[in-house]
C-alpha atoms as a PDB file:
ATOM      1  CA  MET A   1     -21.768-134.356   1.137  1.00  0.00           C
ATOM      2  CA  ASN A   2     -22.611-132.144  -1.776  1.00  0.00           C
ATOM      3  CA  TYR A   3     -24.866-129.126  -2.237  1.00  0.00           C
ATOM      4  CA  ASN A   4     -27.914-131.169  -3.279  1.00  0.00           C
ATOM      5  CA  ASP A   5     -27.556-133.532  -0.314  1.00  0.00           C
ATOM      6  CA  ALA A   6     -27.298-130.537   2.022  1.00  0.00           C
ATOM      7  CA  LEU A   7     -30.303-128.880   0.404  1.00  0.00           C
ATOM      8  CA  ASN A   8     -32.371-132.053   0.842  1.00  0.00           C
ATOM      9  CA  ILE A   9     -31.382-132.355   4.494  1.00  0.00           C
ATOM     10  CA  TYR A  10     -32.132-128.675   5.104  1.00  0.00           C
ATOM     11  CA  SER A  11     -35.540-129.062   3.437  1.00  0.00           C
ATOM     12  CA  SER A  12     -36.364-131.826   5.921  1.00  0.00           C
ATOM     13  CA  ILE A  13     -35.230-129.721   8.857  1.00  0.00           C
ATOM     14  CA  LYS A  14     -36.978-126.595   7.603  1.00  0.00           C
ATOM     15  CA  GLY A  15     -40.426-128.146   8.016  1.00  0.00           C
ATOM     16  CA  THR A  16     -40.118-129.081  11.693  1.00  0.00           C
ATOM     17  CA  SER A  17     -42.482-127.595  14.240  1.00  0.00           C
ATOM     18  CA  LEU A  18     -39.595-127.490  16.733  1.00  0.00           C
ATOM     19  CA  ILE A  19     -38.758-123.857  16.004  1.00  0.00           C
ATOM     20  CA  LYS A  20     -36.340-123.248  18.902  1.00  0.00           C
ATOM     21  CA  LEU A  21     -34.340-126.411  18.256  1.00  0.00           C
ATOM     22  CA  LYS A  22     -34.213-125.623  14.538  1.00  0.00           C
ATOM     23  CA  SER A  23     -33.008-122.122  15.363  1.00  0.00           C
ATOM     24  CA  ASP A  24     -30.358-123.517  17.722  1.00  0.00           C
ATOM     25  CA  LEU A  25     -29.128-125.846  14.971  1.00  0.00           C
ATOM     26  CA  ILE A  26     -28.938-123.027  12.437  1.00  0.00           C
ATOM     27  CA  LYS A  27     -27.131-120.685  14.824  1.00  0.00           C
ATOM     28  CA  SER A  28     -24.607-123.348  15.755  1.00  0.00           C
ATOM     29  CA  ALA A  29     -24.052-124.166  12.057  1.00  0.00           C
ATOM     30  CA  VAL A  30     -23.361-120.536  11.238  1.00  0.00           C
ATOM     31  CA  ARG A  31     -21.010-120.163  14.211  1.00  0.00           C
ATOM     32  CA  TYR A  32     -19.063-123.298  13.341  1.00  0.00           C
ATOM     33  CA  SER A  33     -18.832-122.489   9.631  1.00  0.00           C
ATOM     34  CA  ARG A  34     -17.555-118.985  10.435  1.00  0.00           C
ATOM     35  CA  LEU A  35     -14.832-120.457  12.650  1.00  0.00           C
ATOM     36  CA  ARG A  36     -13.969-123.081  10.041  1.00  0.00           C
ATOM     37  CA  VAL A  37     -13.420-120.403   7.408  1.00  0.00           C
ATOM     38  CA  GLU A  38     -11.495-118.192   9.822  1.00  0.00           C
ATOM     39  CA  TRP A  39      -9.272-121.158  10.742  1.00  0.00           C
ATOM     40  CA  ARG A  40      -8.554-121.729   7.047  1.00  0.00           C
ATOM     41  CA  LEU A  41      -7.487-118.122   6.518  1.00  0.00           C
ATOM     42  CA  ILE A  42      -5.145-117.605   9.469  1.00  0.00           C
ATOM     43  CA  ASP A  43      -1.541-118.579  10.089  1.00  0.00           C
ATOM     44  CA  LEU A  44      -0.422-121.694  11.946  1.00  0.00           C
ATOM     45  CA  GLU A  45       0.174-119.955  15.275  1.00  0.00           C
ATOM     46  CA  ARG A  46      -3.293-118.414  15.341  1.00  0.00           C
ATOM     47  CA  ARG A  47      -4.787-121.758  14.263  1.00  0.00           C
ATOM     48  CA  LYS A  48      -3.424-123.310  17.443  1.00  0.00           C
ATOM     49  CA  ASN A  49      -5.235-120.659  19.478  1.00  0.00           C
ATOM     50  CA  LEU A  50      -8.494-121.109  17.584  1.00  0.00           C
ATOM     51  CA  SER A  51      -8.428-124.901  17.463  1.00  0.00           C
ATOM     52  CA  GLN A  52     -10.184-125.532  20.784  1.00  0.00           C
ATOM     53  CA  GLU A  53     -12.931-122.996  20.056  1.00  0.00           C
ATOM     54  CA  ARG A  54     -13.458-124.514  16.607  1.00  0.00           C
ATOM     55  CA  THR A  55     -13.706-128.033  18.061  1.00  0.00           C
ATOM     56  CA  SER A  56     -16.151-126.840  20.712  1.00  0.00           C
ATOM     57  CA  ALA A  57     -18.328-125.170  18.071  1.00  0.00           C
ATOM     58  CA  HIS A  58     -18.210-128.327  15.952  1.00  0.00           C
ATOM     59  CA  ASN A  59     -19.284-130.440  18.927  1.00  0.00           C
ATOM     60  CA  ALA A  60     -22.116-128.005  19.673  1.00  0.00           C
ATOM     61  CA  PHE A  61     -23.353-128.274  16.083  1.00  0.00           C
ATOM     62  CA  ILE A  62     -23.251-132.071  16.187  1.00  0.00           C
ATOM     63  CA  ASP A  63     -25.173-131.962  19.479  1.00  0.00           C
ATOM     64  CA  SER A  64     -27.779-129.668  17.895  1.00  0.00           C
ATOM     65  CA  CYS A  65     -28.222-132.122  15.020  1.00  0.00           C
ATOM     66  CA  ASN A  66     -28.598-135.031  17.429  1.00  0.00           C
ATOM     67  CA  ILE A  67     -31.055-133.200  19.675  1.00  0.00           C
ATOM     68  CA  LEU A  68     -33.253-131.973  16.825  1.00  0.00           C
ATOM     69  CA  GLY A  69     -33.280-135.394  15.166  1.00  0.00           C
ATOM     70  CA  ARG A  70     -34.183-137.135  18.425  1.00  0.00           C
ATOM     71  CA  GLU A  71     -36.902-134.631  19.320  1.00  0.00           C
ATOM     72  CA  MET A  72     -38.416-134.756  15.848  1.00  0.00           C
ATOM     73  CA  ALA A  73     -38.725-138.541  16.217  1.00  0.00           C
ATOM     74  CA  LYS A  74     -40.369-138.138  19.624  1.00  0.00           C
ATOM     75  CA  ILE A  75     -43.184-136.042  18.174  1.00  0.00           C
ATOM     76  CA  GLY A  76     -43.601-138.219  15.102  1.00  0.00           C
ATOM     77  CA  GLU A  77     -41.869-135.973  12.580  1.00  0.00           C
ATOM     78  CA  ASN A  78     -39.689-137.487   9.875  1.00  0.00           C
ATOM     79  CA  ASN A  79     -36.081-137.396  11.074  1.00  0.00           C
ATOM     80  CA  ARG A  80     -34.582-139.475   8.270  1.00  0.00           C
ATOM     81  CA  TRP A  81     -32.322-136.515   7.527  1.00  0.00           C
ATOM     82  CA  ARG A  82     -30.313-137.349  10.650  1.00  0.00           C
ATOM     83  CA  VAL A  83     -29.540-140.835   9.346  1.00  0.00           C
ATOM     84  CA  LEU A  84     -28.653-139.382   5.933  1.00  0.00           C
ATOM     85  CA  LEU A  85     -26.294-136.900   7.579  1.00  0.00           C
ATOM     86  CA  GLY A  86     -24.413-139.747   9.237  1.00  0.00           C
ATOM     87  CA  SER A  87     -21.857-139.599  12.016  1.00  0.00           C
ATOM     88  CA  GLU A  88     -18.637-138.561  10.280  1.00  0.00           C
ATOM     89  CA  ARG A  89     -17.417-135.319  11.858  1.00  0.00           C
ATOM     90  CA  GLU A  90     -16.122-133.935   8.570  1.00  0.00           C
ATOM     91  CA  THR A  91     -19.401-134.581   6.760  1.00  0.00           C
ATOM     92  CA  ILE A  92     -21.410-132.960   9.541  1.00  0.00           C
ATOM     93  CA  GLY A  93     -19.047-129.989   9.476  1.00  0.00           C
ATOM     94  CA  ASP A  94     -19.444-129.753   5.716  1.00  0.00           C
ATOM     95  CA  PHE A  95     -23.206-129.690   6.215  1.00  0.00           C
ATOM     96  CA  ALA A  96     -22.826-126.713   8.567  1.00  0.00           C
ATOM     97  CA  CYS A  97     -20.949-124.854   5.838  1.00  0.00           C
ATOM     98  CA  TYR A  98     -23.491-125.783   3.168  1.00  0.00           C
ATOM     99  CA  LEU A  99     -26.284-124.688   5.497  1.00  0.00           C
ATOM    100  CA  ASN A 100     -24.617-121.320   5.975  1.00  0.00           C
ATOM    101  CA  CYS A 101     -24.348-121.025   2.187  1.00  0.00           C
ATOM    102  CA  ILE A 102     -27.993-122.001   1.618  1.00  0.00           C
ATOM    103  CA  LEU A 103     -29.188-119.490   4.203  1.00  0.00           C
ATOM    104  CA  GLY A 104     -27.083-116.761   2.617  1.00  0.00           C
ATOM    105  CA  ILE A 105     -28.554-117.492  -0.801  1.00  0.00           C
ATOM    106  CA  GLU A 106     -32.090-117.585   0.609  1.00  0.00           C
ATOM    107  CA  ALA A 107     -31.517-114.204   2.238  1.00  0.00           C
ATOM    108  CA  GLY A 108     -30.462-112.662  -1.098  1.00  0.00           C
END
C-alpha cells in the first residue's frame, strides 16, 4: 500500500451513495489510525493495555470495509476497491492511516 493506491481506493469509496456506511468506514479508520499511532508512541507496559482496544478497532475497520464493499455491490456500484485493498490485516490497517492522512489534507 502506498499513498497513490490509498488515494485511488478512497476516490472509489468517496463516490458511493451509501453515505452512512461510508461515514462508518471513515470514522472507524480515524479511530484505528489514532490508536495505531498512540500504540507506537507509548511504552511496552501501556502497549499491553492498549493492545486489545487496538485489535478491536482494527477488526471494526475491516468489518466496515467488508460491509461497504458488499453493499456497494448489492446496489450495482463499483466495489473493485475492496478487491484492490485485499485481505492482509497490515495493508488494511495501512489504508486506515492513509485515509486519515488524506482526510486531514483535504480539510486543510
